[in-house]
Amino acid sequence: MNYAYADIMTLFFNPVLQKEEHQRILSGYVGDIRITQGFVLVGAILMETAIVMVLLSRVLPYGANRWANILVGLLHTASVIWSMTGGPVNVFYVFFAAIEIACTLFIVWYAWTWRKPTLSATPATQLRATTPASS
């Protein structure tokens, strides 16, 4: 959601805060990059990886889950850092970006330090039997 809020606020406030940059967007450019279907597709993929990771974090086995979180976290961190280059940036966007970077770096660190679960852990079927939703 943080990504969407940052983008929506940028679209809403750029006409007021950065009139020249807004005109560049209307002419088909973000910074020096031409807005194409491929550019928008990359943005859509970045947005969708967030929701996909919620699902994958629940269903992937340990090793794949760990590496998926590390790689996607690094990808998102890099994309946010890159989004702040190449042109003027609003102060509110820097605030959103700082939170996004901190969160994605935390995910990377957390996944990097995950320890492989032991076989002596409580089976998932026993955990489900004791959760409030099953009673």
Protein backbone atom coordinates (compact mmCIF):
# COMPACT_ATOMS: atom_id res chain seq x y z
CA MET A 1 0.00 0.00 0.00
CA ASN A 2 2.86 2.35 0.75
CA TYR A 3 4.00 2.15 -2.89
CA ALA A 4 0.50 3.01 -4.14
CA TYR A 5 0.11 5.94 -1.72
CA ALA A 6 3.46 7.40 -2.79
CA ASP A 7 2.56 7.14 -6.47
CA ILE A 8 -0.97 8.51 -6.02
CA MET A 9 0.25 11.47 -3.98
CA THR A 10 2.95 12.16 -6.57
CA LEU A 11 0.37 12.17 -9.38
CA PHE A 12 -1.94 14.36 -7.31
CA PHE A 13 0.60 16.92 -6.07
CA ASN A 14 3.08 17.13 -8.96
CA PRO A 15 0.84 19.55 -10.92
CA VAL A 16 1.09 21.94 -7.94
CA LEU A 17 4.57 21.28 -6.54
CA GLN A 18 6.53 20.50 -9.69
CA LYS A 19 4.78 21.99 -12.70
CA GLU A 20 7.69 21.40 -15.09
CA GLU A 21 8.09 17.75 -14.08
CA HIS A 22 4.33 17.26 -14.41
CA GLN A 23 4.48 18.60 -17.96
CA ARG A 24 7.25 16.09 -18.75
CA ILE A 25 5.05 13.26 -17.48
CA LEU A 26 2.16 14.51 -19.60
CA SER A 27 4.49 14.58 -22.61
CA GLY A 28 5.36 10.92 -22.00
CA TYR A 29 8.54 11.00 -19.91
CA VAL A 30 9.49 10.12 -16.35
CA GLY A 31 12.82 11.83 -15.86
CA ASP A 32 14.68 10.94 -19.05
CA ILE A 33 12.79 7.67 -19.61
CA ARG A 34 10.05 7.49 -22.21
CA ILE A 35 6.83 6.01 -20.85
CA THR A 36 6.09 2.94 -22.96
CA GLN A 37 3.97 -0.15 -22.45
CA GLY A 38 7.13 -1.97 -21.39
CA PHE A 39 7.89 0.70 -18.79
CA VAL A 40 4.36 0.46 -17.39
CA LEU A 41 4.56 -3.37 -17.43
CA VAL A 42 7.73 -3.25 -15.31
CA GLY A 43 5.88 -1.01 -12.85
CA ALA A 44 2.94 -3.42 -12.77
CA ILE A 45 5.26 -6.37 -12.13
CA LEU A 46 6.91 -4.52 -9.25
CA MET A 47 3.51 -3.72 -7.73
CA GLU A 48 2.24 -7.29 -8.10
CA THR A 49 5.31 -8.91 -6.56
CA ALA A 50 4.23 -7.50 -3.20
CA ILE A 51 0.92 -9.41 -3.18
CA VAL A 52 2.47 -12.50 -4.76
CA MET A 53 5.08 -12.63 -1.98
CA VAL A 54 2.32 -12.83 0.63
CA LEU A 55 1.11 -16.04 -1.02
CA LEU A 56 4.56 -17.44 -1.82
CA SER A 57 5.77 -16.87 1.73
CA ARG A 58 3.04 -19.22 2.89
CA VAL A 59 3.45 -21.99 0.30
CA LEU A 60 7.11 -22.15 -0.78
CA PRO A 61 9.48 -24.56 0.94
CA TYR A 62 12.09 -23.07 3.27
CA GLY A 63 14.98 -22.55 0.82
CA ALA A 64 12.90 -21.15 -2.04
CA ASN A 65 10.95 -18.95 0.37
CA ARG A 66 14.12 -17.55 1.89
CA TRP A 67 15.71 -16.74 -1.48
CA ALA A 68 12.49 -15.34 -2.96
CA ASN A 69 12.22 -12.89 -0.05
CA ILE A 70 15.88 -11.90 -0.35
CA LEU A 71 15.76 -11.38 -4.13
CA VAL A 72 12.40 -9.59 -4.26
CA GLY A 73 13.37 -7.44 -1.25
CA LEU A 74 16.59 -6.39 -3.00
CA LEU A 75 14.70 -5.75 -6.25
CA HIS A 76 12.20 -3.50 -4.48
CA THR A 77 14.93 -1.68 -2.55
CA ALA A 78 16.85 -1.01 -5.75
CA SER A 79 13.75 0.16 -7.62
CA VAL A 80 12.84 2.66 -4.89
CA ILE A 81 16.39 4.02 -4.76
CA TRP A 82 16.40 4.29 -8.56
CA SER A 83 13.03 6.11 -8.50
CA MET A 84 14.67 8.97 -6.60
CA THR A 85 17.32 9.59 -9.24
CA GLY A 86 17.10 11.57 -12.44
CA GLY A 87 14.97 14.50 -11.41
CA PRO A 88 13.48 16.58 -8.63
CA VAL A 89 11.89 14.60 -5.81
CA ASN A 90 9.14 15.78 -3.46
CA VAL A 91 9.88 15.71 0.27
CA PHE A 92 6.83 13.51 0.93
CA TYR A 93 8.13 11.01 -1.64
CA VAL A 94 11.46 10.82 0.19
CA PHE A 95 9.48 10.03 3.37
CA PHE A 96 7.57 7.21 1.63
CA ALA A 97 10.78 5.95 0.01
CA ALA A 98 12.63 5.87 3.34
CA ILE A 99 9.89 3.68 4.84
CA GLU A 100 9.84 1.42 1.76
CA ILE A 101 13.63 1.03 1.81
CA ALA A 102 13.71 0.35 5.55
CA CYS A 103 10.95 -2.28 5.27
CA THR A 104 12.40 -4.07 2.26
CA LEU A 105 15.89 -4.10 3.79
CA PHE A 106 14.39 -5.52 6.99
CA ILE A 107 12.73 -8.28 4.93
CA VAL A 108 16.08 -9.05 3.28
CA TRP A 109 17.89 -9.14 6.63
CA TYR A 110 15.15 -11.22 8.24
CA ALA A 111 15.15 -13.75 5.39
CA TRP A 112 18.97 -13.84 5.36
CA THR A 113 19.03 -14.73 9.07
CA TRP A 114 16.24 -17.34 8.93
CA ARG A 115 17.29 -20.64 10.38
CA LYS A 116 16.09 -23.82 8.78
CA PRO A 117 13.19 -25.23 10.82
CA THR A 118 13.97 -28.38 12.75
CA LEU A 119 12.02 -31.60 12.36
CA SER A 120 11.10 -31.47 16.03
CA ALA A 121 8.92 -28.43 15.44
CA THR A 122 5.22 -28.80 16.12
CA PRO A 123 3.47 -30.16 13.02
CA ALA A 124 1.20 -27.68 11.26
CA THR A 125 -1.79 -29.96 11.78
CA GLN A 126 -1.37 -29.71 15.55
CA LEU A 127 -1.03 -25.93 15.34
CA ARG A 128 -4.25 -25.69 13.33
CA ALA A 129 -6.09 -27.75 15.90
CA THR A 130 -5.19 -25.30 18.65
CA THR A 131 -5.92 -22.01 16.88
CA PRO A 132 -9.02 -20.01 17.86
CA ALA A 133 -10.36 -20.17 14.30
CA SER A 134 -10.72 -23.97 14.52
CA SER A 135 -12.77 -23.92 17.72
